[in-house]
Amino acid sequence: MISEIAKLPKGKSYVLKPSALASALQGAGVTVDTHLVRAPSCIFCCDIGIGFAPFAL
């Protein structure tokens, strides 16, 4: 599995660990190549209202 990660603001962390995803995929018998991209975004921000505002890297 390929994994890309963008830096987060100090004190923040990603919930999904690449090793946990790889283990779950292997346990489920998934044999396709996977590419995990983790980057901060405003999709779950409550203070921006409704909608999606992608984070520019």
Protein backbone atom coordinates (compact mmCIF):
# COMPACT_ATOMS: atom_id res chain seq x y z
CA MET A 1 0.00 0.00 0.00
CA ILE A 2 1.18 3.49 -0.86
CA SER A 3 0.50 6.15 1.76
CA GLU A 4 0.80 9.93 1.44
CA ILE A 5 0.42 12.29 4.37
CA ALA A 6 0.22 16.07 4.62
CA LYS A 7 1.27 17.92 7.74
CA LEU A 8 -1.44 18.86 10.20
CA PRO A 9 -1.52 21.84 12.55
CA LYS A 10 0.28 21.32 15.84
CA GLY A 11 -1.72 19.19 18.26
CA LYS A 12 -3.80 17.49 15.55
CA SER A 13 -3.47 13.92 14.28
CA TYR A 14 -5.03 11.61 11.73
CA VAL A 15 -7.41 8.96 13.04
CA LEU A 16 -6.66 6.35 10.39
CA LYS A 17 -3.25 4.71 10.61
CA PRO A 18 -1.94 3.20 7.34
CA SER A 19 -0.96 -0.02 9.12
CA ALA A 20 -4.50 -0.48 10.43
CA LEU A 21 -5.98 -0.04 6.96
CA ALA A 22 -3.41 -2.39 5.40
CA SER A 23 -4.18 -5.03 8.03
CA ALA A 24 -7.94 -4.71 7.50
CA LEU A 25 -7.58 -4.97 3.73
CA GLN A 26 -5.33 -8.01 4.03
CA GLY A 27 -7.70 -9.64 6.51
CA ALA A 28 -10.60 -9.08 4.10
CA GLY A 29 -8.66 -10.65 1.26
CA VAL A 30 -8.42 -7.45 -0.78
CA THR A 31 -5.55 -7.88 -3.22
CA VAL A 32 -5.76 -4.70 -5.33
CA ASP A 33 -3.14 -1.98 -5.07
CA THR A 34 -4.24 0.76 -2.67
CA HIS A 35 -3.17 4.38 -2.29
CA LEU A 36 -4.07 6.22 0.92
CA VAL A 37 -3.94 10.02 0.76
CA ARG A 38 -4.40 11.88 4.05
CA ALA A 39 -4.68 15.66 4.01
CA PRO A 40 -6.49 18.22 6.16
CA SER A 41 -9.73 19.64 4.82
CA CYS A 42 -12.76 21.58 5.98
CA ILE A 43 -15.26 18.87 5.08
CA PHE A 44 -16.02 18.19 8.75
CA CYS A 45 -15.60 21.73 10.08
CA CYS A 46 -18.72 22.90 11.91
CA ASP A 47 -17.89 26.59 11.78
CA ILE A 48 -17.89 27.00 7.99
CA GLY A 49 -21.50 26.13 7.34
CA ILE A 50 -22.72 23.60 4.83
CA GLY A 51 -20.58 22.57 1.90
CA PHE A 52 -17.11 21.40 1.06
CA ALA A 53 -14.04 23.61 1.00
CA PRO A 54 -10.95 21.58 0.09
CA PHE A 55 -7.65 22.45 1.71
CA ALA A 56 -5.09 23.67 -0.80
CA LEU A 57 -1.80 21.86 -0.41
